[in-house]
Amino acid sequence: MVLKELFRQDEGVFSLSSDARISDTAALMQREKIGCVVIVDGETVVGIITDRDIALGVALGAATPDSFVSEVMSTDVKTVSDSMSLFDVTRYFRTVNFKRLPVVDDKMRLVGIVSTDDVMAMLSREMFDTCSALESKLGHMV
């Protein structure tokens, strides 16, 4: 199965522009109970900011709550395509040191976000479905 058939697009992905204030971004994260926000220029992904980026940026004096997210966001953003298979995404996560990756469509527009936790849940569901299918064929619990 490809990623766009598996991940939860209905929950949406939160994005802001690079001129958003850190305080507004942190408030959004708290309100929505999310750990990151994708930074976009129009529909193009240009960065990502995590709660950790904000905490370290402010605590270490690199930014203030009134600073722009562009001052502490990560700009070396890796993305995955919504047409990638679950196994390709799993392999890709092993090659990058990120916990969350923006998902883009064939026009490179942001359509979602996938985390390592999401991948684990999807893999677990796939394994359960496979075991259930095998159980009926084998006649006993797998």
C-alpha atoms as a PDB file:
ATOM      1  CA  MET A   1       0.000   0.000   0.000  1.00  0.00           C
ATOM      2  CA  VAL A   2       1.100   3.552  -0.642  1.00  0.00           C
ATOM      3  CA  LEU A   3       1.359   6.160   2.076  1.00  0.00           C
ATOM      4  CA  LYS A   4      -1.600   8.276   0.958  1.00  0.00           C
ATOM      5  CA  GLU A   5      -3.882   5.273   1.516  1.00  0.00           C
ATOM      6  CA  LEU A   6      -2.522   4.669   4.994  1.00  0.00           C
ATOM      7  CA  PHE A   7      -1.858   7.904   6.820  1.00  0.00           C
ATOM      8  CA  ARG A   8      -4.518  10.057   8.442  1.00  0.00           C
ATOM      9  CA  GLN A   9      -5.059  13.011   6.129  1.00  0.00           C
ATOM     10  CA  ASP A  10      -8.310  13.910   7.873  1.00  0.00           C
ATOM     11  CA  GLU A  11      -6.450  15.082  10.974  1.00  0.00           C
ATOM     12  CA  GLY A  12      -4.636  17.627   8.872  1.00  0.00           C
ATOM     13  CA  VAL A  13      -1.193  19.053   9.134  1.00  0.00           C
ATOM     14  CA  PHE A  14      -0.481  22.399  10.690  1.00  0.00           C
ATOM     15  CA  SER A  15       1.603  24.832   8.721  1.00  0.00           C
ATOM     16  CA  LEU A  16       2.644  28.455   9.051  1.00  0.00           C
ATOM     17  CA  SER A  17       4.764  30.874   7.075  1.00  0.00           C
ATOM     18  CA  SER A  18       8.324  31.711   8.105  1.00  0.00           C
ATOM     19  CA  ASP A  19       7.228  35.124   9.373  1.00  0.00           C
ATOM     20  CA  ALA A  20       5.061  33.593  12.110  1.00  0.00           C
ATOM     21  CA  ARG A  21       6.097  34.497  15.648  1.00  0.00           C
ATOM     22  CA  ILE A  22       7.535  31.855  17.934  1.00  0.00           C
ATOM     23  CA  SER A  23       4.948  32.673  20.620  1.00  0.00           C
ATOM     24  CA  ASP A  24       2.061  32.141  18.174  1.00  0.00           C
ATOM     25  CA  THR A  25       3.613  28.886  16.982  1.00  0.00           C
ATOM     26  CA  ALA A  26       4.051  27.627  20.541  1.00  0.00           C
ATOM     27  CA  ALA A  27       0.435  28.556  21.332  1.00  0.00           C
ATOM     28  CA  LEU A  28      -0.730  26.601  18.260  1.00  0.00           C
ATOM     29  CA  MET A  29       1.314  23.585  19.335  1.00  0.00           C
ATOM     30  CA  GLN A  30      -0.115  23.710  22.843  1.00  0.00           C
ATOM     31  CA  ARG A  31      -3.702  24.205  21.673  1.00  0.00           C
ATOM     32  CA  GLU A  32      -3.562  21.408  19.085  1.00  0.00           C
ATOM     33  CA  LYS A  33      -1.352  19.107  21.181  1.00  0.00           C
ATOM     34  CA  ILE A  34       1.243  18.761  18.419  1.00  0.00           C
ATOM     35  CA  GLY A  35       5.026  18.668  18.524  1.00  0.00           C
ATOM     36  CA  CYS A  36       5.853  20.382  15.252  1.00  0.00           C
ATOM     37  CA  VAL A  37       4.612  22.766  12.603  1.00  0.00           C
ATOM     38  CA  VAL A  38       5.635  22.650   8.955  1.00  0.00           C
ATOM     39  CA  ILE A  39       6.804  25.994   7.586  1.00  0.00           C
ATOM     40  CA  VAL A  40       5.650  26.730   4.059  1.00  0.00           C
ATOM     41  CA  ASP A  41       6.080  29.371   1.397  1.00  0.00           C
ATOM     42  CA  GLY A  42       2.726  29.155  -0.346  1.00  0.00           C
ATOM     43  CA  GLU A  43       2.353  25.383  -0.588  1.00  0.00           C
ATOM     44  CA  THR A  44       6.089  24.592  -0.725  1.00  0.00           C
ATOM     45  CA  VAL A  45       7.769  23.164   2.374  1.00  0.00           C
ATOM     46  CA  VAL A  46      10.675  25.412   3.426  1.00  0.00           C
ATOM     47  CA  GLY A  47      11.197  24.359   7.029  1.00  0.00           C
ATOM     48  CA  ILE A  48       9.915  22.621  10.107  1.00  0.00           C
ATOM     49  CA  ILE A  49       9.859  23.792  13.702  1.00  0.00           C
ATOM     50  CA  THR A  50       9.521  21.529  16.695  1.00  0.00           C
ATOM     51  CA  ASP A  51       8.742  22.187  20.314  1.00  0.00           C
ATOM     52  CA  ARG A  52      12.392  21.298  20.975  1.00  0.00           C
ATOM     53  CA  ASP A  53      13.602  23.958  18.493  1.00  0.00           C
ATOM     54  CA  ILE A  54      11.532  26.554  20.327  1.00  0.00           C
ATOM     55  CA  ALA A  55      12.619  25.458  23.798  1.00  0.00           C
ATOM     56  CA  LEU A  56      16.315  25.398  22.929  1.00  0.00           C
ATOM     57  CA  GLY A  57      16.182  28.557  20.821  1.00  0.00           C
ATOM     58  CA  VAL A  58      14.583  30.596  23.572  1.00  0.00           C
ATOM     59  CA  ALA A  59      16.475  28.963  26.475  1.00  0.00           C
ATOM     60  CA  LEU A  60      19.849  29.475  24.808  1.00  0.00           C
ATOM     61  CA  GLY A  61      19.093  33.062  23.815  1.00  0.00           C
ATOM     62  CA  ALA A  62      19.055  32.499  20.044  1.00  0.00           C
ATOM     63  CA  ALA A  63      15.501  33.855  19.917  1.00  0.00           C
ATOM     64  CA  THR A  64      12.725  35.397  21.985  1.00  0.00           C
ATOM     65  CA  PRO A  65       9.014  34.585  21.934  1.00  0.00           C
ATOM     66  CA  ASP A  66       8.579  37.581  19.593  1.00  0.00           C
ATOM     67  CA  SER A  67      11.181  36.293  17.120  1.00  0.00           C
ATOM     68  CA  PHE A  68      10.186  34.800  13.789  1.00  0.00           C
ATOM     69  CA  VAL A  69      10.140  31.019  13.459  1.00  0.00           C
ATOM     70  CA  SER A  70      12.698  31.379  10.667  1.00  0.00           C
ATOM     71  CA  GLU A  71      15.299  32.144  13.358  1.00  0.00           C
ATOM     72  CA  VAL A  72      15.084  28.668  14.942  1.00  0.00           C
ATOM     73  CA  MET A  73      13.378  26.393  12.408  1.00  0.00           C
ATOM     74  CA  SER A  74      15.187  23.601  10.606  1.00  0.00           C
ATOM     75  CA  THR A  75      15.609  24.333   6.909  1.00  0.00           C
ATOM     76  CA  ASP A  76      17.196  21.026   5.946  1.00  0.00           C
ATOM     77  CA  VAL A  77      13.784  19.424   5.601  1.00  0.00           C
ATOM     78  CA  LYS A  78      13.409  15.911   4.295  1.00  0.00           C
ATOM     79  CA  THR A  79      10.039  14.966   2.849  1.00  0.00           C
ATOM     80  CA  VAL A  80       8.380  11.776   1.710  1.00  0.00           C
ATOM     81  CA  SER A  81       6.030  11.344  -1.211  1.00  0.00           C
ATOM     82  CA  ASP A  82       2.442  10.276  -0.624  1.00  0.00           C
ATOM     83  CA  SER A  83       3.003   7.686  -3.360  1.00  0.00           C
ATOM     84  CA  MET A  84       5.778   5.892  -1.425  1.00  0.00           C
ATOM     85  CA  SER A  85       5.017   2.483   0.010  1.00  0.00           C
ATOM     86  CA  LEU A  86       4.914   2.002   3.757  1.00  0.00           C
ATOM     87  CA  PHE A  87       8.055  -0.109   3.521  1.00  0.00           C
ATOM     88  CA  ASP A  88       9.884   2.587   1.517  1.00  0.00           C
ATOM     89  CA  VAL A  89       8.943   5.171   4.152  1.00  0.00           C
ATOM     90  CA  THR A  90      10.169   2.810   6.882  1.00  0.00           C
ATOM     91  CA  ARG A  91      13.497   2.392   5.086  1.00  0.00           C
ATOM     92  CA  TYR A  92      13.767   6.157   4.578  1.00  0.00           C
ATOM     93  CA  PHE A  93      13.200   6.842   8.271  1.00  0.00           C
ATOM     94  CA  ARG A  94      16.205   4.606   8.976  1.00  0.00           C
ATOM     95  CA  THR A  95      18.427   6.797   6.782  1.00  0.00           C
ATOM     96  CA  VAL A  96      17.445  10.187   8.244  1.00  0.00           C
ATOM     97  CA  ASN A  97      17.639  11.334  11.827  1.00  0.00           C
ATOM     98  CA  PHE A  98      14.125  12.762  12.100  1.00  0.00           C
ATOM     99  CA  LYS A  99      11.020  11.666  13.990  1.00  0.00           C
ATOM    100  CA  ARG A 100       8.545  13.423  11.705  1.00  0.00           C
ATOM    101  CA  LEU A 101       8.512  13.974   7.958  1.00  0.00           C
ATOM    102  CA  PRO A 102       6.232  16.186   5.890  1.00  0.00           C
ATOM    103  CA  VAL A 103       4.337  14.301   3.190  1.00  0.00           C
ATOM    104  CA  VAL A 104       4.096  15.919  -0.248  1.00  0.00           C
ATOM    105  CA  ASP A 105       2.120  15.049  -3.349  1.00  0.00           C
ATOM    106  CA  ASP A 106       3.432  14.745  -6.915  1.00  0.00           C
ATOM    107  CA  LYS A 107       3.412  18.561  -7.231  1.00  0.00           C
ATOM    108  CA  MET A 108       5.495  18.882  -4.027  1.00  0.00           C
ATOM    109  CA  ARG A 109       2.531  20.366  -2.128  1.00  0.00           C
ATOM    110  CA  LEU A 110       2.237  19.628   1.560  1.00  0.00           C
ATOM    111  CA  VAL A 111      -0.522  17.065   2.150  1.00  0.00           C
ATOM    112  CA  GLY A 112       0.301  15.624   5.545  1.00  0.00           C
ATOM    113  CA  ILE A 113       2.896  14.595   8.053  1.00  0.00           C
ATOM    114  CA  VAL A 114       4.046  11.153   9.128  1.00  0.00           C
ATOM    115  CA  SER A 115       5.951  10.235  12.272  1.00  0.00           C
ATOM    116  CA  THR A 116       7.894   7.188  13.343  1.00  0.00           C
ATOM    117  CA  ASP A 117       5.007   6.434  15.722  1.00  0.00           C
ATOM    118  CA  ASP A 118       2.569   6.554  12.777  1.00  0.00           C
ATOM    119  CA  VAL A 119       4.759   4.122  10.838  1.00  0.00           C
ATOM    120  CA  MET A 120       4.896   1.735  13.801  1.00  0.00           C
ATOM    121  CA  ALA A 121       1.100   1.846  14.134  1.00  0.00           C
ATOM    122  CA  MET A 122       0.606   1.257  10.397  1.00  0.00           C
ATOM    123  CA  LEU A 123       3.073  -1.637  10.383  1.00  0.00           C
ATOM    124  CA  SER A 124       1.333  -3.171  13.408  1.00  0.00           C
ATOM    125  CA  ARG A 125      -2.020  -2.899  11.659  1.00  0.00           C
ATOM    126  CA  GLU A 126      -0.611  -4.485   8.500  1.00  0.00           C
ATOM    127  CA  MET A 127       0.906  -7.332  10.529  1.00  0.00           C
ATOM    128  CA  PHE A 128      -2.393  -7.929  12.347  1.00  0.00           C
ATOM    129  CA  ASP A 129      -4.307  -8.003   9.056  1.00  0.00           C
ATOM    130  CA  THR A 130      -1.782 -10.442   7.590  1.00  0.00           C
ATOM    131  CA  CYS A 131      -1.979 -12.709  10.635  1.00  0.00           C
ATOM    132  CA  SER A 132      -5.786 -12.623  10.535  1.00  0.00           C
ATOM    133  CA  ALA A 133      -5.771 -13.632   6.882  1.00  0.00           C
ATOM    134  CA  LEU A 134      -3.311 -16.459   7.548  1.00  0.00           C
ATOM    135  CA  GLU A 135      -5.263 -17.721  10.548  1.00  0.00           C
ATOM    136  CA  SER A 136      -8.281 -18.683   8.457  1.00  0.00           C
ATOM    137  CA  LYS A 137      -6.073 -20.476   5.930  1.00  0.00           C
ATOM    138  CA  LEU A 138      -4.008 -22.352   8.526  1.00  0.00           C
ATOM    139  CA  GLY A 139      -6.935 -23.225  10.801  1.00  0.00           C
ATOM    140  CA  HIS A 140      -5.330 -22.075  14.044  1.00  0.00           C
ATOM    141  CA  MET A 141      -3.996 -19.009  15.725  1.00  0.00           C
ATOM    142  CA  VAL A 142      -0.947 -17.494  14.088  1.00  0.00           C
END
